[in-house]
Amino acid sequence: MDFSIKKLKEIGSKISDKEVKSVLERIEIKPGQTVMDLGAGAGIYTLAIADAIGKDGHVYSVDTRKEILAYIESQATDKGFNNITYIEAESPIYDINQSSLDIIFTRNVLHHLPAAIDYITRLNDYLKDEGLLVLIDHSKGANIPGHSDDDFYTVDLVKELGINAGYSFYKTFDVKKNKLFVILKK
């Protein structure tokens, strides 16, 4: 087994069902929606979203590594989900119709982006009017190995980035220490 998959399983096992359910309620997931899980990682949220949106909805599970997507696909197959498309991509240019997504969900992705404003500006093209961009990430002071504090954002900075990228601020939630949870609206 690839080390990265083993590591993802470990990370995924630390995310409780209660936490996932709480996040999905906060981002207003509904049956029939079309959602992108950007930076799908362990696939925990891809699978939970696929379940929540049902057979009439669709999830685009996006990650940079095909072995991760293959792992998520095997989990989805085991659970009987057939409403997921898997996309291997590095840049915010996807083979997805513009203005087709209700929600773009990201968790622990923002701090990996060297040009976050450009990236989230391009994501705007894929959202329907009133679509939501959900950004959950480590915030300044997180002390994550391999990252400097400059890699992270504050809630206020994320709001500012979103407004500069053409979004309006929608909601924020208090979550764990050194974590941010911001929802922007197209």
N, C-alpha and C. Protein backbone atom coordinates (compact mmCIF):
# COMPACT_ATOMS: atom_id res chain seq x y z
N MET A 1 0.85 -1.19 0.00
CA MET A 1 0.00 0.00 0.00
C MET A 1 0.89 1.24 0.00
N ASP A 2 0.55 2.19 -0.79
CA ASP A 2 1.26 3.45 -0.88
C ASP A 2 1.22 4.16 0.48
N PHE A 3 2.36 4.70 0.92
CA PHE A 3 2.42 5.41 2.20
C PHE A 3 1.39 6.52 2.28
N SER A 4 1.19 7.26 1.20
CA SER A 4 0.25 8.37 1.25
C SER A 4 -1.18 7.88 1.53
N ILE A 5 -1.53 6.73 1.01
CA ILE A 5 -2.87 6.17 1.28
C ILE A 5 -2.94 5.74 2.74
N LYS A 6 -1.90 5.11 3.25
CA LYS A 6 -1.86 4.73 4.66
C LYS A 6 -2.01 5.96 5.54
N LYS A 7 -1.30 7.02 5.21
CA LYS A 7 -1.38 8.26 5.97
C LYS A 7 -2.79 8.85 5.88
N LEU A 8 -3.39 8.82 4.70
CA LEU A 8 -4.75 9.33 4.55
C LEU A 8 -5.74 8.56 5.41
N LYS A 9 -5.57 7.26 5.47
CA LYS A 9 -6.46 6.44 6.32
C LYS A 9 -6.32 6.87 7.77
N GLU A 10 -5.09 7.12 8.21
CA GLU A 10 -4.86 7.57 9.58
C GLU A 10 -5.55 8.91 9.83
N ILE A 11 -5.36 9.82 8.90
CA ILE A 11 -5.98 11.15 9.03
C ILE A 11 -7.50 11.02 9.02
N GLY A 12 -8.01 10.24 8.07
CA GLY A 12 -9.45 10.05 7.96
C GLY A 12 -10.06 9.45 9.22
N SER A 13 -9.31 8.56 9.87
CA SER A 13 -9.83 7.93 11.09
C SER A 13 -9.96 8.92 12.24
N LYS A 14 -9.28 10.05 12.16
CA LYS A 14 -9.34 11.07 13.21
C LYS A 14 -10.53 12.02 13.05
N ILE A 15 -11.21 11.94 11.91
CA ILE A 15 -12.36 12.81 11.67
C ILE A 15 -13.62 12.04 12.06
N SER A 16 -14.30 12.53 13.06
CA SER A 16 -15.46 11.81 13.58
C SER A 16 -16.68 12.00 12.67
N ASP A 17 -17.58 11.03 12.73
CA ASP A 17 -18.85 11.15 11.99
C ASP A 17 -19.62 12.38 12.46
N LYS A 18 -19.52 12.68 13.74
CA LYS A 18 -20.21 13.85 14.30
C LYS A 18 -19.67 15.14 13.68
N GLU A 19 -18.35 15.22 13.52
CA GLU A 19 -17.74 16.40 12.90
C GLU A 19 -18.19 16.55 11.45
N VAL A 20 -18.18 15.45 10.71
CA VAL A 20 -18.59 15.48 9.30
C VAL A 20 -20.05 15.92 9.19
N LYS A 21 -20.91 15.35 10.00
CA LYS A 21 -22.33 15.71 9.98
C LYS A 21 -22.52 17.19 10.29
N SER A 22 -21.79 17.70 11.27
CA SER A 22 -21.88 19.11 11.65
C SER A 22 -21.45 20.01 10.50
N VAL A 23 -20.36 19.66 9.84
CA VAL A 23 -19.88 20.45 8.70
C VAL A 23 -20.92 20.45 7.59
N LEU A 24 -21.46 19.29 7.25
CA LEU A 24 -22.45 19.22 6.16
C LEU A 24 -23.70 20.03 6.48
N GLU A 25 -24.13 20.03 7.72
CA GLU A 25 -25.27 20.86 8.11
C GLU A 25 -24.96 22.34 7.96
N ARG A 26 -23.77 22.73 8.35
CA ARG A 26 -23.37 24.14 8.27
C ARG A 26 -23.24 24.64 6.84
N ILE A 27 -22.83 23.76 5.93
CA ILE A 27 -22.67 24.20 4.54
C ILE A 27 -23.94 24.01 3.71
N GLU A 28 -24.99 23.58 4.39
CA GLU A 28 -26.33 23.53 3.80
C GLU A 28 -26.45 22.56 2.63
N ILE A 29 -25.82 21.39 2.77
CA ILE A 29 -25.92 20.34 1.76
C ILE A 29 -27.37 19.86 1.68
N LYS A 30 -27.85 19.71 0.43
CA LYS A 30 -29.23 19.26 0.21
C LYS A 30 -29.26 18.20 -0.89
N PRO A 31 -30.25 17.31 -0.84
CA PRO A 31 -30.40 16.32 -1.90
C PRO A 31 -30.50 17.00 -3.27
N GLY A 32 -29.87 16.38 -4.26
CA GLY A 32 -29.95 16.87 -5.64
C GLY A 32 -28.90 17.91 -6.01
N GLN A 33 -28.09 18.35 -5.06
CA GLN A 33 -27.09 19.37 -5.38
C GLN A 33 -25.91 18.79 -6.14
N THR A 34 -25.15 19.69 -6.77
CA THR A 34 -23.91 19.34 -7.44
C THR A 34 -22.79 20.03 -6.67
N VAL A 35 -21.84 19.23 -6.18
CA VAL A 35 -20.81 19.71 -5.26
C VAL A 35 -19.44 19.24 -5.72
N MET A 36 -18.44 20.12 -5.57
CA MET A 36 -17.05 19.73 -5.80
C MET A 36 -16.36 19.62 -4.45
N ASP A 37 -15.70 18.48 -4.21
CA ASP A 37 -14.83 18.32 -3.05
C ASP A 37 -13.41 18.51 -3.56
N LEU A 38 -12.90 19.71 -3.38
CA LEU A 38 -11.60 20.11 -3.93
C LEU A 38 -10.51 19.81 -2.91
N GLY A 39 -9.58 18.95 -3.30
CA GLY A 39 -8.56 18.48 -2.37
C GLY A 39 -9.15 17.38 -1.52
N ALA A 40 -9.69 16.37 -2.19
CA ALA A 40 -10.51 15.35 -1.53
C ALA A 40 -9.78 14.54 -0.47
N GLY A 41 -8.47 14.44 -0.56
CA GLY A 41 -7.71 13.76 0.48
C GLY A 41 -8.22 12.36 0.75
N ALA A 42 -8.53 12.07 1.99
CA ALA A 42 -8.96 10.73 2.40
C ALA A 42 -10.33 10.35 1.87
N GLY A 43 -11.06 11.30 1.32
CA GLY A 43 -12.36 11.01 0.74
C GLY A 43 -13.51 11.02 1.73
N ILE A 44 -13.23 11.33 2.96
CA ILE A 44 -14.27 11.34 4.00
C ILE A 44 -15.43 12.23 3.58
N TYR A 45 -15.11 13.44 3.12
CA TYR A 45 -16.18 14.37 2.75
C TYR A 45 -16.79 14.03 1.39
N THR A 46 -16.00 13.54 0.45
CA THR A 46 -16.57 13.11 -0.83
C THR A 46 -17.68 12.09 -0.58
N LEU A 47 -17.41 11.10 0.24
CA LEU A 47 -18.38 10.03 0.50
C LEU A 47 -19.58 10.54 1.28
N ALA A 48 -19.33 11.39 2.27
CA ALA A 48 -20.44 11.93 3.06
C ALA A 48 -21.34 12.83 2.21
N ILE A 49 -20.72 13.62 1.33
CA ILE A 49 -21.50 14.48 0.44
C ILE A 49 -22.30 13.63 -0.53
N ALA A 50 -21.67 12.60 -1.10
CA ALA A 50 -22.37 11.71 -2.04
C ALA A 50 -23.61 11.10 -1.40
N ASP A 51 -23.48 10.72 -0.15
CA ASP A 51 -24.61 10.16 0.58
C ASP A 51 -25.69 11.22 0.82
N ALA A 52 -25.28 12.41 1.24
CA ALA A 52 -26.23 13.48 1.58
C ALA A 52 -27.00 14.01 0.37
N ILE A 53 -26.36 14.09 -0.78
CA ILE A 53 -27.03 14.65 -1.96
C ILE A 53 -27.87 13.61 -2.70
N GLY A 54 -27.62 12.35 -2.42
CA GLY A 54 -28.43 11.29 -3.00
C GLY A 54 -28.18 11.03 -4.47
N LYS A 55 -29.00 10.12 -5.01
CA LYS A 55 -28.80 9.68 -6.40
C LYS A 55 -29.09 10.78 -7.43
N ASP A 56 -29.83 11.80 -7.04
CA ASP A 56 -30.12 12.90 -7.97
C ASP A 56 -29.07 14.00 -7.93
N GLY A 57 -28.12 13.90 -6.99
CA GLY A 57 -27.04 14.87 -6.90
C GLY A 57 -25.77 14.31 -7.51
N HIS A 58 -24.72 15.14 -7.53
CA HIS A 58 -23.45 14.69 -8.09
C HIS A 58 -22.29 15.35 -7.36
N VAL A 59 -21.22 14.57 -7.14
CA VAL A 59 -20.00 15.07 -6.51
C VAL A 59 -18.85 14.93 -7.49
N TYR A 60 -18.05 15.98 -7.59
CA TYR A 60 -16.77 15.94 -8.29
C TYR A 60 -15.70 15.86 -7.22
N SER A 61 -14.99 14.75 -7.16
CA SER A 61 -13.93 14.54 -6.18
C SER A 61 -12.61 14.87 -6.87
N VAL A 62 -11.98 15.95 -6.43
CA VAL A 62 -10.78 16.47 -7.11
C VAL A 62 -9.57 16.36 -6.19
N ASP A 63 -8.50 15.79 -6.72
CA ASP A 63 -7.25 15.74 -5.99
C ASP A 63 -6.10 15.73 -6.99
N THR A 64 -4.89 15.94 -6.50
CA THR A 64 -3.74 16.01 -7.39
C THR A 64 -3.11 14.65 -7.68
N ARG A 65 -3.52 13.61 -6.94
CA ARG A 65 -2.88 12.31 -7.11
C ARG A 65 -3.91 11.24 -7.45
N LYS A 66 -3.65 10.53 -8.54
CA LYS A 66 -4.61 9.52 -9.00
C LYS A 66 -4.73 8.36 -8.05
N GLU A 67 -3.67 8.01 -7.30
CA GLU A 67 -3.77 6.90 -6.37
C GLU A 67 -4.74 7.22 -5.22
N ILE A 68 -4.81 8.49 -4.86
CA ILE A 68 -5.76 8.91 -3.83
C ILE A 68 -7.18 8.79 -4.37
N LEU A 69 -7.37 9.25 -5.60
CA LEU A 69 -8.70 9.16 -6.21
C LEU A 69 -9.13 7.71 -6.40
N ALA A 70 -8.17 6.84 -6.75
CA ALA A 70 -8.50 5.41 -6.89
C ALA A 70 -8.93 4.83 -5.54
N TYR A 71 -8.28 5.25 -4.47
CA TYR A 71 -8.66 4.81 -3.14
C TYR A 71 -10.09 5.26 -2.81
N ILE A 72 -10.38 6.54 -3.08
CA ILE A 72 -11.73 7.06 -2.81
C ILE A 72 -12.75 6.31 -3.65
N GLU A 73 -12.41 6.06 -4.91
CA GLU A 73 -13.34 5.35 -5.79
C GLU A 73 -13.62 3.94 -5.27
N SER A 74 -12.61 3.27 -4.75
CA SER A 74 -12.85 1.92 -4.21
C SER A 74 -13.77 1.98 -2.99
N GLN A 75 -13.59 3.01 -2.16
CA GLN A 75 -14.48 3.19 -1.00
C GLN A 75 -15.92 3.47 -1.46
N ALA A 76 -16.05 4.31 -2.47
CA ALA A 76 -17.38 4.65 -2.99
C ALA A 76 -18.06 3.43 -3.60
N THR A 77 -17.30 2.62 -4.31
CA THR A 77 -17.85 1.41 -4.91
C THR A 77 -18.34 0.46 -3.82
N ASP A 78 -17.54 0.31 -2.77
CA ASP A 78 -17.94 -0.55 -1.64
C ASP A 78 -19.24 -0.08 -1.00
N LYS A 79 -19.46 1.25 -1.01
CA LYS A 79 -20.67 1.81 -0.39
C LYS A 79 -21.83 1.94 -1.39
N GLY A 80 -21.58 1.59 -2.65
CA GLY A 80 -22.64 1.61 -3.66
C GLY A 80 -22.93 2.99 -4.26
N PHE A 81 -22.02 3.93 -4.11
CA PHE A 81 -22.23 5.26 -4.69
C PHE A 81 -21.85 5.26 -6.16
N ASN A 82 -22.72 5.80 -6.98
CA ASN A 82 -22.40 5.96 -8.41
C ASN A 82 -22.66 7.39 -8.86
N ASN A 83 -22.62 8.33 -7.92
CA ASN A 83 -22.86 9.75 -8.23
C ASN A 83 -21.61 10.60 -8.04
N ILE A 84 -20.44 9.99 -8.29
CA ILE A 84 -19.16 10.69 -8.09
C ILE A 84 -18.33 10.61 -9.37
N THR A 85 -17.75 11.75 -9.75
CA THR A 85 -16.77 11.81 -10.84
C THR A 85 -15.43 12.16 -10.20
N TYR A 86 -14.37 11.48 -10.62
CA TYR A 86 -13.04 11.67 -10.05
C TYR A 86 -12.18 12.45 -11.03
N ILE A 87 -11.56 13.53 -10.53
CA ILE A 87 -10.76 14.41 -11.40
C ILE A 87 -9.39 14.60 -10.78
N GLU A 88 -8.36 14.21 -11.54
CA GLU A 88 -6.99 14.48 -11.13
C GLU A 88 -6.59 15.81 -11.75
N ALA A 89 -6.23 16.78 -10.92
CA ALA A 89 -5.92 18.11 -11.43
C ALA A 89 -5.03 18.88 -10.47
N GLU A 90 -4.14 19.68 -11.03
CA GLU A 90 -3.27 20.57 -10.25
C GLU A 90 -3.80 22.00 -10.26
N SER A 91 -4.43 22.39 -11.35
CA SER A 91 -4.84 23.79 -11.50
C SER A 91 -6.36 23.90 -11.44
N PRO A 92 -6.85 25.13 -11.27
CA PRO A 92 -8.31 25.30 -11.19
C PRO A 92 -8.98 25.36 -12.56
N ILE A 93 -8.56 24.48 -13.46
CA ILE A 93 -9.20 24.39 -14.77
C ILE A 93 -9.68 22.95 -14.88
N TYR A 94 -10.99 22.79 -14.84
CA TYR A 94 -11.58 21.45 -14.79
C TYR A 94 -12.52 21.24 -15.96
N ASP A 95 -12.71 19.97 -16.29
CA ASP A 95 -13.64 19.62 -17.35
C ASP A 95 -15.05 19.52 -16.74
N ILE A 96 -15.50 20.67 -16.27
CA ILE A 96 -16.81 20.80 -15.63
C ILE A 96 -17.47 22.03 -16.24
N ASN A 97 -18.76 21.93 -16.51
CA ASN A 97 -19.46 23.09 -17.07
C ASN A 97 -19.39 24.27 -16.11
N GLN A 98 -19.19 25.44 -16.68
CA GLN A 98 -19.20 26.64 -15.86
C GLN A 98 -20.61 26.88 -15.32
N SER A 99 -20.67 27.52 -14.18
CA SER A 99 -21.94 27.84 -13.51
C SER A 99 -22.79 26.60 -13.24
N SER A 100 -22.14 25.48 -12.89
CA SER A 100 -22.88 24.24 -12.69
C SER A 100 -22.86 23.72 -11.25
N LEU A 101 -22.04 24.32 -10.40
CA LEU A 101 -21.88 23.80 -9.04
C LEU A 101 -22.66 24.62 -8.02
N ASP A 102 -23.31 23.92 -7.10
CA ASP A 102 -23.98 24.58 -5.98
C ASP A 102 -22.97 24.95 -4.90
N ILE A 103 -22.00 24.06 -4.69
CA ILE A 103 -21.02 24.25 -3.62
C ILE A 103 -19.66 23.74 -4.08
N ILE A 104 -18.62 24.50 -3.75
CA ILE A 104 -17.24 24.01 -3.83
C ILE A 104 -16.75 23.94 -2.39
N PHE A 105 -16.37 22.74 -1.97
CA PHE A 105 -15.95 22.47 -0.60
C PHE A 105 -14.45 22.23 -0.57
N THR A 106 -13.74 22.93 0.29
CA THR A 106 -12.31 22.69 0.49
C THR A 106 -12.03 22.55 1.98
N ARG A 107 -11.18 21.61 2.28
CA ARG A 107 -10.73 21.43 3.66
C ARG A 107 -9.22 21.20 3.63
N ASN A 108 -8.50 22.10 4.29
CA ASN A 108 -7.03 22.04 4.37
C ASN A 108 -6.37 22.11 2.99
N VAL A 109 -6.88 23.00 2.15
CA VAL A 109 -6.33 23.21 0.81
C VAL A 109 -5.71 24.60 0.69
N LEU A 110 -6.35 25.59 1.25
CA LEU A 110 -5.95 26.99 1.07
C LEU A 110 -4.48 27.22 1.36
N HIS A 111 -3.95 26.63 2.42
CA HIS A 111 -2.56 26.88 2.79
C HIS A 111 -1.55 26.24 1.82
N HIS A 112 -2.02 25.41 0.91
CA HIS A 112 -1.14 24.81 -0.10
C HIS A 112 -1.07 25.65 -1.38
N LEU A 113 -1.91 26.66 -1.50
CA LEU A 113 -2.00 27.42 -2.74
C LEU A 113 -1.04 28.61 -2.73
N PRO A 114 -0.10 28.65 -3.68
CA PRO A 114 0.83 29.78 -3.71
C PRO A 114 0.17 31.09 -4.14
N ALA A 115 -0.87 31.02 -4.91
CA ALA A 115 -1.58 32.22 -5.38
C ALA A 115 -3.07 32.04 -5.11
N ALA A 116 -3.44 32.07 -3.84
CA ALA A 116 -4.80 31.76 -3.42
C ALA A 116 -5.84 32.64 -4.09
N ILE A 117 -5.57 33.94 -4.23
CA ILE A 117 -6.57 34.84 -4.81
C ILE A 117 -6.87 34.45 -6.25
N ASP A 118 -5.83 34.12 -7.03
CA ASP A 118 -6.04 33.71 -8.42
C ASP A 118 -6.84 32.41 -8.47
N TYR A 119 -6.51 31.50 -7.59
CA TYR A 119 -7.18 30.20 -7.58
C TYR A 119 -8.66 30.35 -7.26
N ILE A 120 -8.97 31.05 -6.18
CA ILE A 120 -10.39 31.15 -5.81
C ILE A 120 -11.16 32.04 -6.78
N THR A 121 -10.48 32.96 -7.45
CA THR A 121 -11.14 33.75 -8.49
C THR A 121 -11.59 32.84 -9.62
N ARG A 122 -10.73 31.92 -10.03
CA ARG A 122 -11.07 31.00 -11.12
C ARG A 122 -12.17 30.03 -10.72
N LEU A 123 -12.23 29.67 -9.46
CA LEU A 123 -13.29 28.76 -8.99
C LEU A 123 -14.67 29.39 -9.13
N ASN A 124 -14.74 30.70 -9.03
CA ASN A 124 -16.00 31.43 -9.14
C ASN A 124 -16.75 31.07 -10.43
N ASP A 125 -16.00 30.80 -11.50
CA ASP A 125 -16.61 30.48 -12.80
C ASP A 125 -17.46 29.21 -12.75
N TYR A 126 -17.14 28.30 -11.86
CA TYR A 126 -17.83 27.02 -11.81
C TYR A 126 -19.09 27.05 -10.95
N LEU A 127 -19.23 28.08 -10.13
CA LEU A 127 -20.39 28.15 -9.24
C LEU A 127 -21.61 28.74 -9.93
N LYS A 128 -22.77 28.21 -9.58
CA LYS A 128 -24.03 28.81 -9.99
C LYS A 128 -24.17 30.15 -9.27
N ASP A 129 -25.07 31.00 -9.74
CA ASP A 129 -25.39 32.21 -8.99
C ASP A 129 -25.84 31.79 -7.60
N GLU A 130 -25.37 32.47 -6.61
CA GLU A 130 -25.66 32.17 -5.20
C GLU A 130 -24.94 30.91 -4.72
N GLY A 131 -24.04 30.34 -5.55
CA GLY A 131 -23.28 29.17 -5.13
C GLY A 131 -22.32 29.52 -4.00
N LEU A 132 -21.92 28.49 -3.24
CA LEU A 132 -21.08 28.70 -2.07
C LEU A 132 -19.68 28.12 -2.25
N LEU A 133 -18.68 28.88 -1.80
CA LEU A 133 -17.31 28.40 -1.70
C LEU A 133 -17.01 28.25 -0.21
N VAL A 134 -16.75 27.01 0.20
CA VAL A 134 -16.51 26.69 1.60
C VAL A 134 -15.01 26.49 1.80
N LEU A 135 -14.44 27.25 2.72
CA LEU A 135 -13.01 27.19 2.99
C LEU A 135 -12.80 26.85 4.47
N ILE A 136 -12.34 25.63 4.71
CA ILE A 136 -11.98 25.20 6.05
C ILE A 136 -10.48 24.92 6.01
N ASP A 137 -9.74 25.54 6.92
CA ASP A 137 -8.29 25.37 6.86
C ASP A 137 -7.67 25.70 8.21
N HIS A 138 -6.39 25.40 8.32
CA HIS A 138 -5.62 25.84 9.48
C HIS A 138 -5.51 27.36 9.39
N SER A 139 -5.46 28.01 10.53
CA SER A 139 -5.28 29.46 10.53
C SER A 139 -3.92 29.80 11.13
N LYS A 140 -3.58 31.05 11.07
CA LYS A 140 -2.30 31.50 11.62
C LYS A 140 -2.16 30.97 13.05
N GLY A 141 -0.94 30.56 13.37
CA GLY A 141 -0.66 30.01 14.69
C GLY A 141 -0.88 28.51 14.78
N ALA A 142 -1.18 27.86 13.66
CA ALA A 142 -1.50 26.43 13.68
C ALA A 142 -0.28 25.55 13.96
N ASN A 143 0.93 26.03 13.65
CA ASN A 143 2.15 25.29 13.91
C ASN A 143 2.13 23.89 13.28
N ILE A 144 1.96 23.86 11.96
CA ILE A 144 1.92 22.61 11.20
C ILE A 144 3.32 22.34 10.64
N PRO A 145 3.90 21.16 10.91
CA PRO A 145 5.24 20.85 10.40
C PRO A 145 5.32 21.04 8.88
N GLY A 146 6.42 21.65 8.44
CA GLY A 146 6.65 21.86 7.01
C GLY A 146 6.03 23.15 6.48
N HIS A 147 5.38 23.91 7.34
CA HIS A 147 4.73 25.16 6.92
C HIS A 147 5.14 26.28 7.88
N SER A 148 5.31 27.46 7.31
CA SER A 148 5.54 28.64 8.15
C SER A 148 4.19 29.29 8.42
N ASP A 149 4.13 30.14 9.38
CA ASP A 149 2.88 30.82 9.72
C ASP A 149 2.39 31.67 8.54
N ASP A 150 3.31 32.06 7.65
CA ASP A 150 2.93 32.85 6.47
C ASP A 150 2.09 32.06 5.48
N ASP A 151 2.08 30.73 5.58
CA ASP A 151 1.27 29.89 4.69
C ASP A 151 -0.22 29.94 5.06
N PHE A 152 -0.52 30.44 6.25
CA PHE A 152 -1.88 30.38 6.77
C PHE A 152 -2.55 31.74 6.78
N TYR A 153 -3.85 31.73 6.94
CA TYR A 153 -4.67 32.93 6.86
C TYR A 153 -5.45 33.13 8.15
N THR A 154 -5.99 34.32 8.29
CA THR A 154 -6.96 34.61 9.34
C THR A 154 -8.34 34.65 8.69
N VAL A 155 -9.37 34.59 9.49
CA VAL A 155 -10.73 34.69 8.95
C VAL A 155 -10.89 36.01 8.20
N ASP A 156 -10.40 37.11 8.76
CA ASP A 156 -10.53 38.41 8.10
C ASP A 156 -9.81 38.45 6.77
N LEU A 157 -8.65 37.82 6.68
CA LEU A 157 -7.91 37.80 5.42
C LEU A 157 -8.64 36.96 4.37
N VAL A 158 -9.23 35.85 4.79
CA VAL A 158 -10.00 35.01 3.86
C VAL A 158 -11.21 35.78 3.34
N LYS A 159 -11.89 36.50 4.23
CA LYS A 159 -13.02 37.34 3.79
C LYS A 159 -12.56 38.35 2.75
N GLU A 160 -11.42 39.00 3.03
CA GLU A 160 -10.88 40.01 2.10
C GLU A 160 -10.51 39.38 0.76
N LEU A 161 -9.85 38.23 0.80
CA LEU A 161 -9.50 37.51 -0.44
C LEU A 161 -10.76 37.20 -1.25
N GLY A 162 -11.79 36.72 -0.54
CA GLY A 162 -13.04 36.37 -1.21
C GLY A 162 -13.69 37.56 -1.87
N ILE A 163 -13.75 38.66 -1.18
CA ILE A 163 -14.35 39.88 -1.74
C ILE A 163 -13.55 40.35 -2.94
N ASN A 164 -12.21 40.31 -2.84
CA ASN A 164 -11.37 40.70 -3.97
C ASN A 164 -11.50 39.75 -5.16
N ALA A 165 -11.93 38.52 -4.90
CA ALA A 165 -12.10 37.52 -5.96
C ALA A 165 -13.52 37.51 -6.52
N GLY A 166 -14.37 38.43 -6.06
CA GLY A 166 -15.71 38.54 -6.62
C GLY A 166 -16.82 37.85 -5.84
N TYR A 167 -16.52 37.39 -4.65
CA TYR A 167 -17.52 36.75 -3.80
C TYR A 167 -18.05 37.77 -2.79
N SER A 168 -19.12 37.40 -2.12
CA SER A 168 -19.55 38.15 -0.95
C SER A 168 -19.37 37.24 0.25
N PHE A 169 -19.13 37.84 1.39
CA PHE A 169 -19.01 37.06 2.62
C PHE A 169 -20.39 36.54 2.99
N TYR A 170 -20.48 35.26 3.37
CA TYR A 170 -21.75 34.65 3.73
C TYR A 170 -21.80 34.28 5.21
N LYS A 171 -20.88 33.42 5.66
CA LYS A 171 -20.90 32.96 7.04
C LYS A 171 -19.50 32.56 7.49
N THR A 172 -19.31 32.56 8.79
CA THR A 172 -18.13 31.95 9.38
C THR A 172 -18.57 31.23 10.65
N PHE A 173 -17.82 30.22 11.01
CA PHE A 173 -18.14 29.44 12.20
C PHE A 173 -16.90 29.33 13.07
N ASP A 174 -17.10 29.37 14.37
CA ASP A 174 -16.02 29.10 15.30
C ASP A 174 -15.85 27.59 15.37
N VAL A 175 -14.64 27.16 15.14
CA VAL A 175 -14.33 25.74 15.23
C VAL A 175 -13.10 25.58 16.12
N LYS A 176 -12.36 24.56 15.93
CA LYS A 176 -11.19 24.29 16.76
C LYS A 176 -10.20 25.46 16.75
N LYS A 177 -9.39 25.53 17.80
CA LYS A 177 -8.33 26.53 17.86
C LYS A 177 -7.43 26.40 16.63
N ASN A 178 -7.03 27.52 16.08
CA ASN A 178 -6.15 27.58 14.91
C ASN A 178 -6.75 26.92 13.67
N LYS A 179 -8.07 27.04 13.54
CA LYS A 179 -8.80 26.52 12.38
C LYS A 179 -9.78 27.59 11.95
N LEU A 180 -9.97 27.75 10.66
CA LEU A 180 -10.97 28.70 10.17
C LEU A 180 -12.00 27.98 9.33
N PHE A 181 -13.20 28.53 9.29
CA PHE A 181 -14.32 27.95 8.57
C PHE A 181 -15.10 29.14 8.02
N VAL A 182 -14.90 29.43 6.74
CA VAL A 182 -15.50 30.59 6.11
C VAL A 182 -16.29 30.13 4.89
N ILE A 183 -17.49 30.69 4.71
CA ILE A 183 -18.29 30.41 3.52
C ILE A 183 -18.48 31.72 2.78
N LEU A 184 -18.11 31.69 1.50
CA LEU A 184 -18.30 32.83 0.60
C LEU A 184 -19.39 32.49 -0.38
N LYS A 185 -20.08 33.51 -0.89
CA LYS A 185 -21.17 33.30 -1.84
C LYS A 185 -20.87 34.05 -3.13
N LYS A 186 -21.19 33.38 -4.25
CA LYS A 186 -21.01 34.01 -5.56
C LYS A 186 -22.05 35.10 -5.74
